[in-house]
N, C-alpha and C. Protein backbone atom coordinates (compact mmCIF):
# COMPACT_ATOMS: atom_id res chain seq x y z
N UNK A 1 157.41 105.78 58.32
CA UNK A 1 157.06 106.84 59.25
C UNK A 1 157.35 106.33 60.65
N UNK A 2 157.86 107.21 61.48
CA UNK A 2 158.21 106.85 62.86
C UNK A 2 156.94 106.67 63.67
N UNK A 3 157.00 105.85 64.74
CA UNK A 3 155.81 105.61 65.55
C UNK A 3 155.22 106.91 66.11
N UNK A 4 156.06 107.88 66.45
CA UNK A 4 155.55 109.15 66.98
C UNK A 4 154.77 109.89 65.88
N UNK A 5 155.25 109.79 64.64
CA UNK A 5 154.58 110.43 63.52
C UNK A 5 153.23 109.78 63.24
N UNK A 6 153.17 108.46 63.37
CA UNK A 6 151.90 107.74 63.18
C UNK A 6 150.89 108.16 64.23
N UNK A 7 151.35 108.29 65.47
CA UNK A 7 150.45 108.70 66.56
C UNK A 7 149.94 110.12 66.32
N UNK A 8 150.85 111.03 65.87
CA UNK A 8 150.47 112.40 65.61
C UNK A 8 149.44 112.44 64.47
N UNK A 9 149.70 111.66 63.42
CA UNK A 9 148.77 111.61 62.29
C UNK A 9 147.41 111.07 62.74
N UNK A 10 147.41 110.06 63.58
CA UNK A 10 146.17 109.47 64.10
C UNK A 10 145.41 110.50 64.94
N UNK A 11 146.09 111.24 65.79
CA UNK A 11 145.46 112.26 66.62
C UNK A 11 144.86 113.35 65.74
N UNK A 12 145.59 113.77 64.69
CA UNK A 12 145.08 114.80 63.79
C UNK A 12 143.84 114.32 63.04
N UNK A 13 143.86 113.07 62.59
CA UNK A 13 142.70 112.52 61.90
C UNK A 13 141.48 112.44 62.82
N UNK A 14 141.70 112.03 64.04
CA UNK A 14 140.60 111.94 65.01
C UNK A 14 140.06 113.34 65.30
N UNK A 15 140.96 114.30 65.48
CA UNK A 15 140.54 115.67 65.76
C UNK A 15 139.75 116.24 64.58
N UNK A 16 140.24 116.00 63.36
CA UNK A 16 139.54 116.50 62.18
C UNK A 16 138.17 115.85 62.06
N UNK A 17 138.11 114.56 62.32
CA UNK A 17 136.83 113.85 62.28
C UNK A 17 135.89 114.36 63.36
N UNK A 18 136.41 114.66 64.52
CA UNK A 18 135.60 115.21 65.61
C UNK A 18 135.05 116.57 65.25
N UNK A 19 135.92 117.40 64.61
CA UNK A 19 135.47 118.72 64.18
C UNK A 19 134.37 118.59 63.12
N UNK A 20 134.57 117.66 62.19
CA UNK A 20 133.57 117.44 61.15
C UNK A 20 132.26 116.95 61.76
N UNK A 21 132.38 116.05 62.74
CA UNK A 21 131.19 115.55 63.42
C UNK A 21 130.49 116.66 64.19
N UNK A 22 131.28 117.52 64.84
CA UNK A 22 130.70 118.64 65.57
C UNK A 22 130.00 119.60 64.61
N UNK A 23 130.66 119.89 63.46
CA UNK A 23 130.03 120.76 62.46
C UNK A 23 128.75 120.14 61.92
N UNK A 24 128.79 118.83 61.68
CA UNK A 24 127.62 118.12 61.19
C UNK A 24 126.49 118.16 62.23
N UNK A 25 126.84 117.96 63.50
CA UNK A 25 125.85 118.00 64.56
C UNK A 25 125.25 119.40 64.68
N UNK A 26 126.08 120.43 64.53
CA UNK A 26 125.58 121.80 64.59
C UNK A 26 124.63 122.07 63.42
N UNK A 27 124.97 121.56 62.24
CA UNK A 27 124.10 121.75 61.07
C UNK A 27 122.77 121.05 61.28
N UNK A 28 122.80 119.84 61.84
CA UNK A 28 121.57 119.11 62.12
C UNK A 28 120.75 119.85 63.16
N UNK A 29 121.40 120.36 64.21
CA UNK A 29 120.67 121.09 65.25
C UNK A 29 120.02 122.34 64.65
N UNK A 30 120.73 123.04 63.77
CA UNK A 30 120.17 124.22 63.14
C UNK A 30 119.00 123.83 62.24
N UNK A 31 119.17 122.76 61.48
CA UNK A 31 118.11 122.28 60.60
C UNK A 31 116.89 121.86 61.42
N UNK A 32 117.11 121.13 62.52
CA UNK A 32 116.01 120.69 63.36
C UNK A 32 115.36 121.86 64.09
N UNK A 33 116.10 122.92 64.30
CA UNK A 33 115.58 124.07 65.01
C UNK A 33 114.68 124.93 64.12
N UNK A 34 114.93 124.91 62.81
CA UNK A 34 114.13 125.73 61.89
C UNK A 34 112.65 125.37 61.95
N UNK A 35 112.27 124.09 61.85
CA UNK A 35 110.83 123.77 61.97
C UNK A 35 110.26 124.21 63.32
N UNK A 36 111.06 124.06 64.37
CA UNK A 36 110.59 124.45 65.70
C UNK A 36 110.35 125.97 65.75
N UNK A 37 111.25 126.74 65.18
CA UNK A 37 111.07 128.19 65.13
C UNK A 37 109.86 128.56 64.28
N UNK A 38 109.68 127.86 63.17
CA UNK A 38 108.54 128.11 62.30
C UNK A 38 107.23 127.80 63.03
N UNK A 39 107.22 126.70 63.77
CA UNK A 39 106.03 126.34 64.54
C UNK A 39 105.74 127.41 65.58
N UNK A 40 106.75 127.82 66.31
CA UNK A 40 106.53 128.82 67.36
C UNK A 40 106.04 130.15 66.79
N UNK A 41 106.68 130.61 65.73
CA UNK A 41 106.26 131.90 65.17
C UNK A 41 104.87 131.81 64.56
N UNK A 42 104.55 130.68 63.94
CA UNK A 42 103.21 130.51 63.36
C UNK A 42 102.16 130.38 64.46
N UNK A 43 102.43 129.55 65.44
CA UNK A 43 101.46 129.33 66.52
C UNK A 43 101.25 130.58 67.37
N UNK A 44 102.26 131.45 67.45
CA UNK A 44 102.10 132.72 68.16
C UNK A 44 101.02 133.58 67.52
N UNK A 45 100.73 133.33 66.25
CA UNK A 45 99.72 134.10 65.53
C UNK A 45 98.34 133.47 65.59
N UNK A 46 98.19 132.42 66.37
CA UNK A 46 96.90 131.73 66.44
C UNK A 46 96.20 132.02 67.76
N UNK A 47 94.91 131.77 67.79
CA UNK A 47 94.10 131.99 68.99
C UNK A 47 94.45 131.01 70.09
N UNK A 48 94.77 129.78 69.72
CA UNK A 48 95.05 128.72 70.70
C UNK A 48 96.48 128.20 70.50
N UNK A 49 97.44 128.92 71.05
CA UNK A 49 98.85 128.58 70.88
C UNK A 49 99.14 127.13 71.28
N UNK A 50 98.68 126.72 72.46
CA UNK A 50 98.98 125.37 72.96
C UNK A 50 98.38 124.29 72.06
N UNK A 51 97.17 124.52 71.59
CA UNK A 51 96.53 123.55 70.68
C UNK A 51 97.33 123.47 69.38
N UNK A 52 97.76 124.61 68.90
CA UNK A 52 98.53 124.67 67.66
C UNK A 52 99.84 123.89 67.79
N UNK A 53 100.59 124.19 68.84
CA UNK A 53 101.89 123.52 69.03
C UNK A 53 101.69 122.02 69.21
N UNK A 54 100.71 121.64 70.01
CA UNK A 54 100.47 120.21 70.25
C UNK A 54 100.08 119.49 68.95
N UNK A 55 99.21 120.10 68.17
CA UNK A 55 98.76 119.46 66.92
C UNK A 55 99.91 119.31 65.94
N UNK A 56 100.72 120.33 65.82
CA UNK A 56 101.83 120.28 64.86
C UNK A 56 102.94 119.36 65.36
N UNK A 57 103.25 119.42 66.64
CA UNK A 57 104.33 118.59 67.19
C UNK A 57 104.00 117.10 67.15
N UNK A 58 102.71 116.78 67.16
CA UNK A 58 102.30 115.37 67.16
C UNK A 58 102.53 114.69 65.81
N UNK A 59 102.73 115.48 64.76
CA UNK A 59 102.89 114.92 63.42
C UNK A 59 104.38 114.77 63.09
N UNK A 60 104.82 113.54 62.77
CA UNK A 60 106.24 113.33 62.47
C UNK A 60 106.73 114.08 61.24
N UNK A 61 105.83 114.46 60.35
CA UNK A 61 106.26 115.16 59.15
C UNK A 61 106.61 116.63 59.42
N UNK A 62 106.48 117.06 60.66
CA UNK A 62 106.80 118.44 61.01
C UNK A 62 108.25 118.77 60.68
N UNK A 63 109.12 117.79 60.75
CA UNK A 63 110.55 118.05 60.49
C UNK A 63 110.81 118.41 59.03
N UNK A 64 109.86 118.11 58.15
CA UNK A 64 110.04 118.44 56.73
C UNK A 64 109.23 119.66 56.31
N UNK A 65 108.47 120.24 57.24
CA UNK A 65 107.67 121.42 56.91
C UNK A 65 108.61 122.61 56.72
N UNK A 66 108.60 123.16 55.53
CA UNK A 66 109.53 124.24 55.21
C UNK A 66 108.91 125.62 55.30
N UNK A 67 107.56 125.67 55.37
CA UNK A 67 106.91 126.97 55.36
C UNK A 67 105.55 126.89 56.04
N UNK A 68 104.90 128.04 56.12
CA UNK A 68 103.59 128.12 56.77
C UNK A 68 102.57 127.25 56.05
N UNK A 69 102.66 127.17 54.74
CA UNK A 69 101.74 126.32 53.98
C UNK A 69 101.87 124.85 54.42
N UNK A 70 103.09 124.39 54.62
CA UNK A 70 103.30 123.03 55.10
C UNK A 70 102.71 122.81 56.49
N UNK A 71 102.88 123.81 57.35
CA UNK A 71 102.28 123.71 58.70
C UNK A 71 100.76 123.70 58.61
N UNK A 72 100.23 124.48 57.70
CA UNK A 72 98.77 124.53 57.52
C UNK A 72 98.25 123.16 57.10
N UNK A 73 98.94 122.52 56.19
CA UNK A 73 98.53 121.18 55.75
C UNK A 73 98.55 120.19 56.91
N UNK A 74 99.55 120.30 57.77
CA UNK A 74 99.65 119.42 58.93
C UNK A 74 98.51 119.70 59.90
N UNK A 75 98.20 120.97 60.12
CA UNK A 75 97.11 121.33 61.04
C UNK A 75 95.76 120.85 60.51
N UNK A 76 95.54 120.95 59.21
CA UNK A 76 94.29 120.46 58.62
C UNK A 76 94.20 118.94 58.79
N UNK A 77 95.32 118.27 58.60
CA UNK A 77 95.35 116.82 58.78
C UNK A 77 95.02 116.43 60.22
N UNK A 78 95.53 117.20 61.18
CA UNK A 78 95.23 116.93 62.60
C UNK A 78 93.74 117.12 62.87
N UNK A 79 93.16 118.16 62.31
CA UNK A 79 91.72 118.39 62.49
C UNK A 79 90.90 117.27 61.84
N UNK A 80 91.32 116.83 60.67
CA UNK A 80 90.61 115.75 59.97
C UNK A 80 90.69 114.45 60.77
N UNK A 81 91.85 114.18 61.34
CA UNK A 81 92.02 112.99 62.18
C UNK A 81 91.11 113.07 63.40
N UNK A 82 91.02 114.25 63.99
CA UNK A 82 90.16 114.46 65.14
C UNK A 82 88.70 114.20 64.77
N UNK A 83 88.26 114.73 63.63
CA UNK A 83 86.88 114.53 63.18
C UNK A 83 86.59 113.05 62.92
N UNK A 84 87.55 112.36 62.31
CA UNK A 84 87.37 110.92 62.05
C UNK A 84 87.25 110.13 63.34
N UNK A 85 88.11 110.44 64.30
CA UNK A 85 88.09 109.73 65.58
C UNK A 85 86.77 109.99 66.32
N UNK A 86 86.31 111.22 66.28
CA UNK A 86 85.04 111.55 66.93
C UNK A 86 83.89 110.80 66.27
N UNK A 87 83.87 110.77 64.95
CA UNK A 87 82.82 110.06 64.23
C UNK A 87 82.81 108.57 64.54
N UNK A 88 84.00 107.97 64.56
CA UNK A 88 84.11 106.54 64.87
C UNK A 88 83.64 106.25 66.29
N UNK A 89 84.01 107.11 67.22
CA UNK A 89 83.59 106.93 68.61
C UNK A 89 82.07 107.04 68.75
N UNK A 90 81.49 107.97 68.03
CA UNK A 90 80.04 108.13 68.09
C UNK A 90 79.31 106.94 67.49
N UNK A 91 79.86 106.40 66.41
CA UNK A 91 79.24 105.20 65.83
C UNK A 91 79.32 104.02 66.79
N UNK A 92 80.44 103.90 67.49
CA UNK A 92 80.59 102.83 68.48
C UNK A 92 79.59 103.03 69.62
N UNK A 93 79.42 104.26 70.05
CA UNK A 93 78.46 104.55 71.12
C UNK A 93 77.04 104.26 70.65
N UNK A 94 76.73 104.61 69.41
CA UNK A 94 75.39 104.34 68.88
C UNK A 94 75.12 102.84 68.85
N UNK A 95 76.15 102.07 68.52
CA UNK A 95 75.99 100.61 68.51
C UNK A 95 75.76 100.09 69.93
N UNK A 96 76.45 100.69 70.90
CA UNK A 96 76.29 100.26 72.29
C UNK A 96 74.91 100.62 72.83
N UNK A 97 74.35 101.74 72.36
CA UNK A 97 73.02 102.18 72.80
C UNK A 97 71.94 101.79 71.79
N UNK A 98 72.18 100.76 71.02
CA UNK A 98 71.34 100.39 69.89
C UNK A 98 69.84 100.43 70.20
N UNK A 99 69.44 99.93 71.34
CA UNK A 99 68.02 99.87 71.66
C UNK A 99 67.55 101.10 72.43
N UNK A 100 68.43 102.06 72.67
CA UNK A 100 68.08 103.27 73.42
C UNK A 100 67.63 104.38 72.45
N UNK A 101 66.82 105.29 72.91
CA UNK A 101 66.38 106.40 72.05
C UNK A 101 67.53 107.34 71.66
N UNK A 102 68.64 107.26 72.37
CA UNK A 102 69.80 108.11 72.10
C UNK A 102 70.57 107.66 70.85
N UNK A 103 70.43 106.42 70.44
CA UNK A 103 71.20 105.85 69.32
C UNK A 103 71.03 106.64 68.02
N UNK A 104 69.81 106.99 67.61
CA UNK A 104 69.69 107.75 66.35
C UNK A 104 70.39 109.12 66.42
N UNK A 105 70.35 109.74 67.59
CA UNK A 105 71.04 111.03 67.75
C UNK A 105 72.54 110.85 67.60
N UNK A 106 73.08 109.80 68.18
CA UNK A 106 74.52 109.55 68.09
C UNK A 106 74.93 109.24 66.65
N UNK A 107 74.09 108.49 65.93
CA UNK A 107 74.38 108.21 64.52
C UNK A 107 74.34 109.50 63.69
N UNK A 108 73.36 110.35 63.97
CA UNK A 108 73.28 111.62 63.26
C UNK A 108 74.51 112.49 63.55
N UNK A 109 74.95 112.47 64.78
CA UNK A 109 76.16 113.23 65.13
C UNK A 109 77.39 112.65 64.44
N UNK A 110 77.46 111.34 64.37
CA UNK A 110 78.59 110.70 63.67
C UNK A 110 78.60 111.14 62.21
N UNK A 111 77.44 111.27 61.62
CA UNK A 111 77.36 111.73 60.22
C UNK A 111 77.84 113.17 60.10
N UNK A 112 77.55 114.00 61.09
CA UNK A 112 78.03 115.40 61.04
C UNK A 112 79.56 115.44 61.13
N UNK A 113 80.14 114.58 61.94
CA UNK A 113 81.60 114.53 62.02
C UNK A 113 82.20 113.99 60.72
N UNK A 114 81.47 113.09 60.06
CA UNK A 114 81.92 112.62 58.74
C UNK A 114 81.87 113.77 57.73
N UNK A 115 80.85 114.61 57.84
CA UNK A 115 80.76 115.79 56.98
C UNK A 115 81.93 116.74 57.26
N UNK A 116 82.26 116.89 58.54
CA UNK A 116 83.39 117.75 58.91
C UNK A 116 84.68 117.19 58.32
N UNK A 117 84.84 115.89 58.40
CA UNK A 117 86.03 115.24 57.83
C UNK A 117 86.10 115.50 56.32
N UNK A 118 84.98 115.38 55.65
CA UNK A 118 84.95 115.62 54.20
C UNK A 118 85.29 117.07 53.88
N UNK A 119 84.77 117.99 54.66
CA UNK A 119 85.08 119.41 54.44
C UNK A 119 86.58 119.66 54.64
N UNK A 120 87.17 118.99 55.62
CA UNK A 120 88.61 119.16 55.87
C UNK A 120 89.44 118.52 54.75
N UNK A 121 88.95 117.44 54.17
CA UNK A 121 89.62 116.84 53.02
C UNK A 121 89.59 117.81 51.84
N UNK A 122 88.45 118.47 51.66
CA UNK A 122 88.35 119.48 50.60
C UNK A 122 89.29 120.65 50.88
N UNK A 123 89.43 121.01 52.14
CA UNK A 123 90.37 122.08 52.52
C UNK A 123 91.81 121.68 52.20
N UNK A 124 92.15 120.43 52.45
CA UNK A 124 93.50 119.95 52.13
C UNK A 124 93.79 120.11 50.64
N UNK A 125 92.82 119.76 49.81
CA UNK A 125 92.99 119.90 48.36
C UNK A 125 93.14 121.37 47.98
N UNK A 126 92.33 122.22 48.59
CA UNK A 126 92.41 123.66 48.29
C UNK A 126 93.77 124.23 48.69
N UNK A 127 94.31 123.77 49.79
CA UNK A 127 95.62 124.25 50.23
C UNK A 127 96.70 123.81 49.25
N UNK A 128 96.61 122.57 48.77
CA UNK A 128 97.57 122.09 47.78
C UNK A 128 97.55 122.96 46.52
N UNK A 129 96.36 123.43 46.17
CA UNK A 129 96.19 124.27 44.98
C UNK A 129 96.41 125.75 45.27
N UNK A 130 96.75 126.06 46.53
CA UNK A 130 96.94 127.44 47.00
C UNK A 130 95.67 128.28 46.84
N UNK A 131 94.53 127.63 46.94
CA UNK A 131 93.23 128.29 46.89
C UNK A 131 92.78 128.51 48.34
N UNK A 132 93.44 129.44 49.01
CA UNK A 132 93.27 129.62 50.45
C UNK A 132 91.87 130.13 50.82
N UNK A 133 91.24 130.92 49.95
CA UNK A 133 89.87 131.36 50.24
C UNK A 133 88.94 130.16 50.35
N UNK A 134 89.08 129.22 49.43
CA UNK A 134 88.24 128.01 49.46
C UNK A 134 88.57 127.15 50.67
N UNK A 135 89.85 127.05 50.98
CA UNK A 135 90.25 126.29 52.16
C UNK A 135 89.61 126.88 53.41
N UNK A 136 89.59 128.20 53.49
CA UNK A 136 89.00 128.90 54.64
C UNK A 136 87.51 128.54 54.77
N UNK A 137 86.80 128.54 53.65
CA UNK A 137 85.37 128.22 53.67
C UNK A 137 85.15 126.78 54.12
N UNK A 138 85.94 125.85 53.61
CA UNK A 138 85.79 124.44 53.98
C UNK A 138 86.07 124.21 55.46
N UNK A 139 87.11 124.85 55.97
CA UNK A 139 87.44 124.67 57.40
C UNK A 139 86.37 125.32 58.26
N UNK A 140 85.85 126.46 57.84
CA UNK A 140 84.75 127.10 58.59
C UNK A 140 83.54 126.17 58.67
N UNK A 141 83.23 125.52 57.56
CA UNK A 141 82.12 124.56 57.55
C UNK A 141 82.41 123.39 58.47
N UNK A 142 83.63 122.88 58.42
CA UNK A 142 84.00 121.75 59.27
C UNK A 142 83.82 122.08 60.75
N UNK A 143 84.11 123.31 61.12
CA UNK A 143 83.96 123.72 62.52
C UNK A 143 82.48 123.78 62.92
N UNK A 144 81.60 124.01 61.97
CA UNK A 144 80.18 124.17 62.27
C UNK A 144 79.40 122.86 62.30
N UNK A 145 79.82 121.87 61.53
CA UNK A 145 79.06 120.62 61.48
C UNK A 145 78.80 120.00 62.86
N UNK A 146 79.79 119.90 63.73
CA UNK A 146 79.52 119.28 65.04
C UNK A 146 78.53 120.06 65.90
N UNK A 147 78.40 121.37 65.68
CA UNK A 147 77.45 122.15 66.49
C UNK A 147 76.01 121.71 66.21
N UNK A 148 75.81 121.06 65.08
CA UNK A 148 74.48 120.55 64.77
C UNK A 148 74.08 119.44 65.74
N UNK A 149 75.06 118.74 66.29
CA UNK A 149 74.76 117.70 67.28
C UNK A 149 74.09 118.30 68.51
N UNK A 150 74.63 119.42 68.96
CA UNK A 150 74.04 120.10 70.12
C UNK A 150 72.59 120.47 69.82
N UNK A 151 72.35 120.97 68.61
CA UNK A 151 70.99 121.34 68.22
C UNK A 151 70.07 120.12 68.20
N UNK A 152 70.58 118.99 67.72
CA UNK A 152 69.77 117.77 67.70
C UNK A 152 69.38 117.35 69.11
N UNK A 153 70.33 117.39 70.01
CA UNK A 153 70.05 117.00 71.39
C UNK A 153 69.11 118.01 72.05
N UNK A 154 69.25 119.28 71.72
CA UNK A 154 68.39 120.31 72.29
C UNK A 154 66.94 120.08 71.82
N UNK A 155 66.79 119.77 70.54
CA UNK A 155 65.45 119.50 69.99
C UNK A 155 64.82 118.29 70.67
N UNK A 156 65.63 117.33 71.01
CA UNK A 156 65.13 116.11 71.64
C UNK A 156 65.06 116.24 73.16
N UNK A 157 65.35 117.43 73.69
CA UNK A 157 65.42 117.61 75.14
C UNK A 157 64.08 117.38 75.82
N UNK A 158 62.99 117.52 75.08
CA UNK A 158 61.68 117.26 75.67
C UNK A 158 61.59 115.80 76.12
N UNK A 159 62.45 114.98 75.57
CA UNK A 159 62.47 113.57 75.94
C UNK A 159 63.62 113.27 76.90
N UNK A 160 64.13 114.31 77.58
CA UNK A 160 65.15 114.17 78.61
C UNK A 160 66.47 113.61 78.09
N UNK A 161 66.91 114.07 76.93
CA UNK A 161 68.20 113.63 76.41
C UNK A 161 69.19 114.78 76.55
N UNK A 162 69.98 114.74 77.57
CA UNK A 162 70.98 115.79 77.80
C UNK A 162 72.14 115.63 76.82
N UNK A 163 72.75 116.75 76.49
CA UNK A 163 73.91 116.72 75.59
C UNK A 163 75.08 116.11 76.36
N UNK A 164 75.62 114.98 75.90
CA UNK A 164 76.70 114.30 76.64
C UNK A 164 77.95 115.18 76.76
N UNK A 165 78.53 115.20 77.95
CA UNK A 165 79.70 116.06 78.19
C UNK A 165 80.89 115.65 77.31
N UNK A 166 81.05 114.36 77.05
CA UNK A 166 82.16 113.93 76.19
C UNK A 166 81.95 114.43 74.76
N UNK A 167 80.70 114.53 74.34
CA UNK A 167 80.41 115.06 73.01
C UNK A 167 80.69 116.56 72.96
N UNK A 168 80.38 117.25 74.04
CA UNK A 168 80.69 118.69 74.12
C UNK A 168 82.21 118.91 74.06
N UNK A 169 82.96 118.04 74.70
CA UNK A 169 84.44 118.15 74.67
C UNK A 169 84.97 117.90 73.26
N UNK A 170 84.42 116.92 72.58
CA UNK A 170 84.84 116.63 71.20
C UNK A 170 84.52 117.81 70.29
N UNK A 171 83.34 118.36 70.45
CA UNK A 171 82.93 119.51 69.65
C UNK A 171 83.91 120.67 69.87
N UNK A 172 84.21 120.94 71.13
CA UNK A 172 85.12 122.04 71.46
C UNK A 172 86.53 121.76 70.93
N UNK A 173 86.98 120.52 71.02
CA UNK A 173 88.31 120.17 70.52
C UNK A 173 88.43 120.40 69.02
N UNK A 174 87.43 119.97 68.27
CA UNK A 174 87.47 120.18 66.82
C UNK A 174 87.33 121.66 66.48
N UNK A 175 86.49 122.37 67.23
CA UNK A 175 86.33 123.81 66.99
C UNK A 175 87.66 124.53 67.19
N UNK A 176 88.38 124.18 68.24
CA UNK A 176 89.68 124.82 68.50
C UNK A 176 90.70 124.50 67.41
N UNK A 177 90.73 123.24 66.99
CA UNK A 177 91.66 122.88 65.91
C UNK A 177 91.32 123.63 64.63
N UNK A 178 90.04 123.72 64.33
CA UNK A 178 89.63 124.46 63.13
C UNK A 178 89.97 125.94 63.25
N UNK A 179 89.85 126.49 64.44
CA UNK A 179 90.21 127.90 64.65
C UNK A 179 91.69 128.10 64.39
N UNK A 180 92.51 127.17 64.86
CA UNK A 180 93.96 127.25 64.60
C UNK A 180 94.22 127.20 63.10
N UNK A 181 93.55 126.29 62.41
CA UNK A 181 93.73 126.18 60.95
C UNK A 181 93.30 127.48 60.27
N UNK A 182 92.18 128.04 60.67
CA UNK A 182 91.71 129.29 60.08
C UNK A 182 92.71 130.42 60.32
N UNK A 183 93.29 130.44 61.52
CA UNK A 183 94.31 131.46 61.83
C UNK A 183 95.53 131.30 60.92
N UNK A 184 95.93 130.06 60.68
CA UNK A 184 97.10 129.81 59.83
C UNK A 184 96.77 130.15 58.37
N UNK A 185 95.56 129.80 57.93
CA UNK A 185 95.16 130.17 56.56
C UNK A 185 95.17 131.69 56.42
N UNK A 186 94.74 132.38 57.44
CA UNK A 186 94.75 133.86 57.39
C UNK A 186 96.17 134.39 57.18
N UNK A 187 97.15 133.71 57.76
CA UNK A 187 98.55 134.11 57.52
C UNK A 187 98.92 133.93 56.05
N UNK A 188 98.39 132.86 55.45
CA UNK A 188 98.68 132.60 54.04
C UNK A 188 97.98 133.60 53.13
N UNK A 189 96.89 134.18 53.60
CA UNK A 189 96.15 135.15 52.80
C UNK A 189 96.74 136.55 52.86
N UNK A 190 97.63 136.78 53.84
CA UNK A 190 98.23 138.10 53.99
C UNK A 190 99.15 138.41 52.81
N UNK A 191 99.07 139.61 52.29
CA UNK A 191 100.01 139.98 51.22
C UNK A 191 101.41 140.18 51.80
N UNK A 192 102.40 139.81 51.06
CA UNK A 192 103.77 139.92 51.57
C UNK A 192 104.40 141.21 51.17
């Protein structure tokens, strides 16, 4: 083959490879865009859009979520992680206040967050089994457990124990995540 023919063949091969790479990149972009579209359309149906998007986007498995059920599982996992972190933080605070009258209240609150975590674990199992009614009940319970902390502090208010603002923020954060999960479960309960 003449040198000009070799150059032409090389240019054609490079161009074909470039086209294949461009097509491959377009396919990847479309594939990566599908979870993003699914997240946006699902989160648009929730009470707290920003909380929904943030919770789902924070999970690396979002790229493999193929449907609303997958997103629901991710949202439940985010809520469970939140409950675990809150419980651990409360136990650490109780240890720091060990000799203070506030310590038993903090331990009791940590136990309520552990209950919330357990309820969310039960919700995860129900979602796997497509038992969405049961998942809804478990997530509703998980949202309520932390509110018991406020009641405990209110009962102890005669002893001047104010409800800590960081605990109120944790309670609200878990409540919002649970609301997002409940909204997503409601989508799963809709007849098609």
